[in-house]
Amino acid sequence: MMLIDSKARAAGVSAYVRSLLGLPESSAGRPTRAQMEAEQDRAWQVLQSLGLDPAPFFPADESWLDDYQ
């Protein structure tokens, strides 16, 4: 963890691993529903790009998003 922290500081980013993966930095605190939906969409695309079927990785419905505003 200390190695990742030092590389993040050197790169000038707070979310070093996310930046390496080409993902946007996430804001501190509880995400909004829109942010969670965007994150889910990105995850879906990543899984598809790896040749995987994303459906088994996600709940059948999106009721879990109801907890987010």
PDB file of N, CA and C in Angstrom:
ATOM      1  N   MET A   1       0.833  -1.191   0.000  1.00  0.00           N
ATOM      2  CA  MET A   1       0.000   0.000   0.000  1.00  0.00           C
ATOM      3  C   MET A   1       0.877   1.254   0.000  1.00  0.00           C
ATOM      4  N   MET A   2       1.971   1.202   0.735  1.00  0.00           N
ATOM      5  CA  MET A   2       2.866   2.364   0.773  1.00  0.00           C
ATOM      6  C   MET A   2       3.491   2.605  -0.605  1.00  0.00           C
ATOM      7  N   LEU A   3       3.792   1.541  -1.343  1.00  0.00           N
ATOM      8  CA  LEU A   3       4.343   1.680  -2.684  1.00  0.00           C
ATOM      9  C   LEU A   3       3.330   2.352  -3.615  1.00  0.00           C
ATOM     10  N   ILE A   4       2.076   1.924  -3.537  1.00  0.00           N
ATOM     11  CA  ILE A   4       1.026   2.536  -4.358  1.00  0.00           C
ATOM     12  C   ILE A   4       0.856   4.003  -3.982  1.00  0.00           C
ATOM     13  N   ASP A   5       0.859   4.304  -2.683  1.00  0.00           N
ATOM     14  CA  ASP A   5       0.743   5.700  -2.237  1.00  0.00           C
ATOM     15  C   ASP A   5       1.880   6.553  -2.775  1.00  0.00           C
ATOM     16  N   SER A   6       3.098   6.041  -2.725  1.00  0.00           N
ATOM     17  CA  SER A   6       4.239   6.832  -3.201  1.00  0.00           C
ATOM     18  C   SER A   6       4.157   7.038  -4.718  1.00  0.00           C
ATOM     19  N   LYS A   7       3.718   6.022  -5.460  1.00  0.00           N
ATOM     20  CA  LYS A   7       3.564   6.174  -6.910  1.00  0.00           C
ATOM     21  C   LYS A   7       2.442   7.156  -7.238  1.00  0.00           C
ATOM     22  N   ALA A   8       1.385   7.147  -6.451  1.00  0.00           N
ATOM     23  CA  ALA A   8       0.282   8.087  -6.665  1.00  0.00           C
ATOM     24  C   ALA A   8       0.754   9.516  -6.447  1.00  0.00           C
ATOM     25  N   ARG A   9       1.510   9.729  -5.375  1.00  0.00           N
ATOM     26  CA  ARG A   9       2.036  11.080  -5.114  1.00  0.00           C
ATOM     27  C   ARG A   9       2.945  11.532  -6.239  1.00  0.00           C
ATOM     28  N   ALA A  10       3.809  10.634  -6.719  1.00  0.00           N
ATOM     29  CA  ALA A  10       4.735  10.973  -7.801  1.00  0.00           C
ATOM     30  C   ALA A  10       3.983  11.294  -9.096  1.00  0.00           C
ATOM     31  N   ALA A  11       2.882  10.597  -9.322  1.00  0.00           N
ATOM     32  CA  ALA A  11       2.079  10.832 -10.535  1.00  0.00           C
ATOM     33  C   ALA A  11       1.134  12.008 -10.374  1.00  0.00           C
ATOM     34  N   GLY A  12       0.948  12.488  -9.145  1.00  0.00           N
ATOM     35  CA  GLY A  12       0.065  13.621  -8.897  1.00  0.00           C
ATOM     36  C   GLY A  12      -1.405  13.276  -8.968  1.00  0.00           C
ATOM     37  N   VAL A  13      -1.744  12.022  -8.673  1.00  0.00           N
ATOM     38  CA  VAL A  13      -3.142  11.608  -8.665  1.00  0.00           C
ATOM     39  C   VAL A  13      -3.466  10.946  -7.337  1.00  0.00           C
ATOM     40  N   SER A  14      -4.718  11.033  -6.949  1.00  0.00           N
ATOM     41  CA  SER A  14      -5.113  10.426  -5.684  1.00  0.00           C
ATOM     42  C   SER A  14      -5.624   9.004  -5.864  1.00  0.00           C
ATOM     43  N   ALA A  15      -6.057   8.682  -7.063  1.00  0.00           N
ATOM     44  CA  ALA A  15      -6.569   7.341  -7.334  1.00  0.00           C
ATOM     45  C   ALA A  15      -5.657   6.684  -8.365  1.00  0.00           C
ATOM     46  N   TYR A  16      -4.482   6.303  -7.932  1.00  0.00           N
ATOM     47  CA  TYR A  16      -3.436   5.818  -8.827  1.00  0.00           C
ATOM     48  C   TYR A  16      -3.879   4.606  -9.642  1.00  0.00           C
ATOM     49  N   VAL A  17      -4.422   3.598  -8.998  1.00  0.00           N
ATOM     50  CA  VAL A  17      -4.822   2.381  -9.703  1.00  0.00           C
ATOM     51  C   VAL A  17      -5.935   2.693 -10.702  1.00  0.00           C
ATOM     52  N   ARG A  18      -6.915   3.496 -10.285  1.00  0.00           N
ATOM     53  CA  ARG A  18      -7.989   3.883 -11.208  1.00  0.00           C
ATOM     54  C   ARG A  18      -7.416   4.623 -12.411  1.00  0.00           C
ATOM     55  N   SER A  19      -6.424   5.505 -12.181  1.00  0.00           N
ATOM     56  CA  SER A  19      -5.855   6.259 -13.293  1.00  0.00           C
ATOM     57  C   SER A  19      -5.100   5.338 -14.248  1.00  0.00           C
ATOM     58  N   LEU A  20      -4.418   4.316 -13.728  1.00  0.00           N
ATOM     59  CA  LEU A  20      -3.721   3.354 -14.583  1.00  0.00           C
ATOM     60  C   LEU A  20      -4.695   2.581 -15.467  1.00  0.00           C
ATOM     61  N   LEU A  21      -5.887   2.342 -14.954  1.00  0.00           N
ATOM     62  CA  LEU A  21      -6.900   1.600 -15.693  1.00  0.00           C
ATOM     63  C   LEU A  21      -7.700   2.492 -16.636  1.00  0.00           C
ATOM     64  N   GLY A  22      -7.409   3.795 -16.619  1.00  0.00           N
ATOM     65  CA  GLY A  22      -8.130   4.720 -17.482  1.00  0.00           C
ATOM     66  C   GLY A  22      -9.493   5.115 -16.951  1.00  0.00           C
ATOM     67  N   LEU A  23      -9.713   4.875 -15.661  1.00  0.00           N
ATOM     68  CA  LEU A  23     -10.991   5.225 -15.047  1.00  0.00           C
ATOM     69  C   LEU A  23     -10.892   6.616 -14.419  1.00  0.00           C
ATOM     70  N   PRO A  24     -11.987   7.348 -14.381  1.00  0.00           N
ATOM     71  CA  PRO A  24     -11.947   8.659 -13.729  1.00  0.00           C
ATOM     72  C   PRO A  24     -11.806   8.507 -12.222  1.00  0.00           C
ATOM     73  N   GLU A  25     -11.248   9.527 -11.593  1.00  0.00           N
ATOM     74  CA  GLU A  25     -11.147   9.500 -10.135  1.00  0.00           C
ATOM     75  C   GLU A  25     -12.544   9.581  -9.542  1.00  0.00           C
ATOM     76  N   SER A  26     -12.758   8.846  -8.489  1.00  0.00           N
ATOM     77  CA  SER A  26     -14.059   8.897  -7.818  1.00  0.00           C
ATOM     78  C   SER A  26     -13.994   9.932  -6.711  1.00  0.00           C
ATOM     79  N   SER A  27     -15.123  10.579  -6.472  1.00  0.00           N
ATOM     80  CA  SER A  27     -15.156  11.607  -5.447  1.00  0.00           C
ATOM     81  C   SER A  27     -15.242  10.965  -4.069  1.00  0.00           C
ATOM     82  N   ALA A  28     -14.799  11.705  -3.087  1.00  0.00           N
ATOM     83  CA  ALA A  28     -14.867  11.217  -1.708  1.00  0.00           C
ATOM     84  C   ALA A  28     -16.325  11.225  -1.249  1.00  0.00           C
ATOM     85  N   GLY A  29     -16.653  10.344  -0.366  1.00  0.00           N
ATOM     86  CA  GLY A  29     -18.014  10.296   0.153  1.00  0.00           C
ATOM     87  C   GLY A  29     -18.883   9.322  -0.614  1.00  0.00           C
ATOM     88  N   ARG A  30     -20.111   9.301  -0.230  1.00  0.00           N
ATOM     89  CA  ARG A  30     -21.075   8.377  -0.841  1.00  0.00           C
ATOM     90  C   ARG A  30     -21.410   8.826  -2.261  1.00  0.00           C
ATOM     91  N   PRO A  31     -21.310   7.914  -3.217  1.00  0.00           N
ATOM     92  CA  PRO A  31     -21.607   8.293  -4.603  1.00  0.00           C
ATOM     93  C   PRO A  31     -23.103   8.498  -4.823  1.00  0.00           C
ATOM     94  N   THR A  32     -23.424   9.245  -5.848  1.00  0.00           N
ATOM     95  CA  THR A  32     -24.824   9.435  -6.234  1.00  0.00           C
ATOM     96  C   THR A  32     -25.269   8.247  -7.083  1.00  0.00           C
ATOM     97  N   ARG A  33     -26.558   8.157  -7.301  1.00  0.00           N
ATOM     98  CA  ARG A  33     -27.075   7.082  -8.157  1.00  0.00           C
ATOM     99  C   ARG A  33     -26.489   7.190  -9.559  1.00  0.00           C
ATOM    100  N   ALA A  34     -26.391   8.395 -10.087  1.00  0.00           N
ATOM    101  CA  ALA A  34     -25.836   8.598 -11.431  1.00  0.00           C
ATOM    102  C   ALA A  34     -24.387   8.121 -11.501  1.00  0.00           C
ATOM    103  N   GLN A  35     -23.609   8.399 -10.447  1.00  0.00           N
ATOM    104  CA  GLN A  35     -22.225   7.947 -10.412  1.00  0.00           C
ATOM    105  C   GLN A  35     -22.147   6.419 -10.354  1.00  0.00           C
ATOM    106  N   MET A  36     -23.038   5.799  -9.580  1.00  0.00           N
ATOM    107  CA  MET A  36     -23.054   4.346  -9.482  1.00  0.00           C
ATOM    108  C   MET A  36     -23.474   3.715 -10.816  1.00  0.00           C
ATOM    109  N   GLU A  37     -24.440   4.320 -11.497  1.00  0.00           N
ATOM    110  CA  GLU A  37     -24.857   3.804 -12.799  1.00  0.00           C
ATOM    111  C   GLU A  37     -23.729   3.921 -13.816  1.00  0.00           C
ATOM    112  N   ALA A  38     -23.006   5.051 -13.791  1.00  0.00           N
ATOM    113  CA  ALA A  38     -21.875   5.234 -14.706  1.00  0.00           C
ATOM    114  C   ALA A  38     -20.776   4.214 -14.406  1.00  0.00           C
ATOM    115  N   GLU A  39     -20.513   3.960 -13.136  1.00  0.00           N
ATOM    116  CA  GLU A  39     -19.507   2.974 -12.744  1.00  0.00           C
ATOM    117  C   GLU A  39     -19.926   1.572 -13.208  1.00  0.00           C
ATOM    118  N   GLN A  40     -21.199   1.259 -13.067  1.00  0.00           N
ATOM    119  CA  GLN A  40     -21.704  -0.032 -13.511  1.00  0.00           C
ATOM    120  C   GLN A  40     -21.559  -0.167 -15.032  1.00  0.00           C
ATOM    121  N   ASP A  41     -21.847   0.902 -15.758  1.00  0.00           N
ATOM    122  CA  ASP A  41     -21.706   0.882 -17.217  1.00  0.00           C
ATOM    123  C   ASP A  41     -20.246   0.654 -17.619  1.00  0.00           C
ATOM    124  N   ARG A  42     -19.315   1.331 -16.927  1.00  0.00           N
ATOM    125  CA  ARG A  42     -17.891   1.138 -17.215  1.00  0.00           C
ATOM    126  C   ARG A  42     -17.467  -0.296 -16.922  1.00  0.00           C
ATOM    127  N   ALA A  43     -17.930  -0.851 -15.803  1.00  0.00           N
ATOM    128  CA  ALA A  43     -17.592  -2.232 -15.451  1.00  0.00           C
ATOM    129  C   ALA A  43     -18.131  -3.193 -16.508  1.00  0.00           C
ATOM    130  N   TRP A  44     -19.348  -2.943 -16.974  1.00  0.00           N
ATOM    131  CA  TRP A  44     -19.959  -3.784 -18.009  1.00  0.00           C
ATOM    132  C   TRP A  44     -19.074  -3.778 -19.261  1.00  0.00           C
ATOM    133  N   GLN A  45     -18.628  -2.582 -19.671  1.00  0.00           N
ATOM    134  CA  GLN A  45     -17.797  -2.451 -20.872  1.00  0.00           C
ATOM    135  C   GLN A  45     -16.445  -3.146 -20.695  1.00  0.00           C
ATOM    136  N   VAL A  46     -15.864  -3.020 -19.517  1.00  0.00           N
ATOM    137  CA  VAL A  46     -14.575  -3.668 -19.258  1.00  0.00           C
ATOM    138  C   VAL A  46     -14.715  -5.180 -19.359  1.00  0.00           C
ATOM    139  N   LEU A  47     -15.762  -5.723 -18.743  1.00  0.00           N
ATOM    140  CA  LEU A  47     -15.976  -7.167 -18.801  1.00  0.00           C
ATOM    141  C   LEU A  47     -16.182  -7.637 -20.241  1.00  0.00           C
ATOM    142  N   GLN A  48     -16.946  -6.885 -21.011  1.00  0.00           N
ATOM    143  CA  GLN A  48     -17.166  -7.245 -22.414  1.00  0.00           C
ATOM    144  C   GLN A  48     -15.846  -7.182 -23.187  1.00  0.00           C
ATOM    145  N   SER A  49     -15.016  -6.177 -22.907  1.00  0.00           N
ATOM    146  CA  SER A  49     -13.745  -6.049 -23.622  1.00  0.00           C
ATOM    147  C   SER A  49     -12.806  -7.210 -23.303  1.00  0.00           C
ATOM    148  N   LEU A  50     -13.020  -7.855 -22.165  1.00  0.00           N
ATOM    149  CA  LEU A  50     -12.220  -9.022 -21.790  1.00  0.00           C
ATOM    150  C   LEU A  50     -12.806 -10.315 -22.353  1.00  0.00           C
ATOM    151  N   GLY A  51     -13.902 -10.196 -23.093  1.00  0.00           N
ATOM    152  CA  GLY A  51     -14.537 -11.361 -23.688  1.00  0.00           C
ATOM    153  C   GLY A  51     -15.428 -12.119 -22.726  1.00  0.00           C
ATOM    154  N   LEU A  52     -15.842 -11.461 -21.647  1.00  0.00           N
ATOM    155  CA  LEU A  52     -16.695 -12.098 -20.650  1.00  0.00           C
ATOM    156  C   LEU A  52     -18.135 -11.616 -20.790  1.00  0.00           C
ATOM    157  N   ASP A  53     -19.063 -12.459 -20.389  1.00  0.00           N
ATOM    158  CA  ASP A  53     -20.471 -12.069 -20.337  1.00  0.00           C
ATOM    159  C   ASP A  53     -20.683 -11.341 -19.010  1.00  0.00           C
ATOM    160  N   PRO A  54     -20.983 -10.044 -19.029  1.00  0.00           N
ATOM    161  CA  PRO A  54     -21.121  -9.272 -17.792  1.00  0.00           C
ATOM    162  C   PRO A  54     -22.344  -9.642 -16.946  1.00  0.00           C
ATOM    163  N   ALA A  55     -23.384 -10.186 -17.552  1.00  0.00           N
ATOM    164  CA  ALA A  55     -24.647 -10.418 -16.849  1.00  0.00           C
ATOM    165  C   ALA A  55     -24.499 -11.170 -15.519  1.00  0.00           C
ATOM    166  N   PRO A  56     -23.707 -12.243 -15.439  1.00  0.00           N
ATOM    167  CA  PRO A  56     -23.621 -12.965 -14.163  1.00  0.00           C
ATOM    168  C   PRO A  56     -22.968 -12.159 -13.025  1.00  0.00           C
ATOM    169  N   PHE A  57     -22.289 -11.072 -13.361  1.00  0.00           N
ATOM    170  CA  PHE A  57     -21.604 -10.275 -12.355  1.00  0.00           C
ATOM    171  C   PHE A  57     -22.506  -9.222 -11.708  1.00  0.00           C
ATOM    172  N   PHE A  58     -23.716  -9.060 -12.241  1.00  0.00           N
ATOM    173  CA  PHE A  58     -24.621  -8.024 -11.764  1.00  0.00           C
ATOM    174  C   PHE A  58     -25.952  -8.634 -11.338  1.00  0.00           C
ATOM    175  N   PRO A  59     -26.638  -8.012 -10.375  1.00  0.00           N
ATOM    176  CA  PRO A  59     -27.958  -8.506  -9.969  1.00  0.00           C
ATOM    177  C   PRO A  59     -28.931  -8.451 -11.147  1.00  0.00           C
ATOM    178  N   ALA A  60     -29.946  -9.312 -11.109  1.00  0.00           N
ATOM    179  CA  ALA A  60     -30.931  -9.362 -12.190  1.00  0.00           C
ATOM    180  C   ALA A  60     -31.704  -8.055 -12.327  1.00  0.00           C
ATOM    181  N   ASP A  61     -31.949  -7.379 -11.205  1.00  0.00           N
ATOM    182  CA  ASP A  61     -32.623  -6.077 -11.279  1.00  0.00           C
ATOM    183  C   ASP A  61     -31.689  -5.024 -10.679  1.00  0.00           C
ATOM    184  N   GLU A  62     -32.076  -3.788 -10.804  1.00  0.00           N
ATOM    185  CA  GLU A  62     -31.230  -2.706 -10.298  1.00  0.00           C
ATOM    186  C   GLU A  62     -31.757  -2.132  -8.995  1.00  0.00           C
ATOM    187  N   SER A  63     -32.495  -2.928  -8.240  1.00  0.00           N
ATOM    188  CA  SER A  63     -33.064  -2.435  -6.985  1.00  0.00           C
ATOM    189  C   SER A  63     -31.982  -2.053  -5.975  1.00  0.00           C
ATOM    190  N   TRP A  64     -30.784  -2.629  -6.103  1.00  0.00           N
ATOM    191  CA  TRP A  64     -29.699  -2.273  -5.185  1.00  0.00           C
ATOM    192  C   TRP A  64     -29.313  -0.799  -5.326  1.00  0.00           C
ATOM    193  N   LEU A  65     -29.614  -0.192  -6.483  1.00  0.00           N
ATOM    194  CA  LEU A  65     -29.300   1.221  -6.692  1.00  0.00           C
ATOM    195  C   LEU A  65     -30.264   2.146  -5.954  1.00  0.00           C
ATOM    196  N   ASP A  66     -31.377   1.597  -5.479  1.00  0.00           N
ATOM    197  CA  ASP A  66     -32.362   2.418  -4.783  1.00  0.00           C
ATOM    198  C   ASP A  66     -31.820   3.038  -3.503  1.00  0.00           C
ATOM    199  N   ASP A  67     -30.746   2.482  -2.965  1.00  0.00           N
ATOM    200  CA  ASP A  67     -30.131   3.021  -1.753  1.00  0.00           C
ATOM    201  C   ASP A  67     -29.360   4.305  -2.036  1.00  0.00           C
ATOM    202  N   TYR A  68     -29.103   4.591  -3.305  1.00  0.00           N
ATOM    203  CA  TYR A  68     -28.339   5.782  -3.686  1.00  0.00           C
ATOM    204  C   TYR A  68     -29.284   6.868  -4.170  1.00  0.00           C
ATOM    205  N   GLN A  69     -28.990   8.082  -3.819  1.00  0.00           N
ATOM    206  CA  GLN A  69     -29.837   9.221  -4.180  1.00  0.00           C
ATOM    207  C   GLN A  69     -29.479   9.766  -5.533  1.00  0.00           C
TER     208      GLN A  69
END
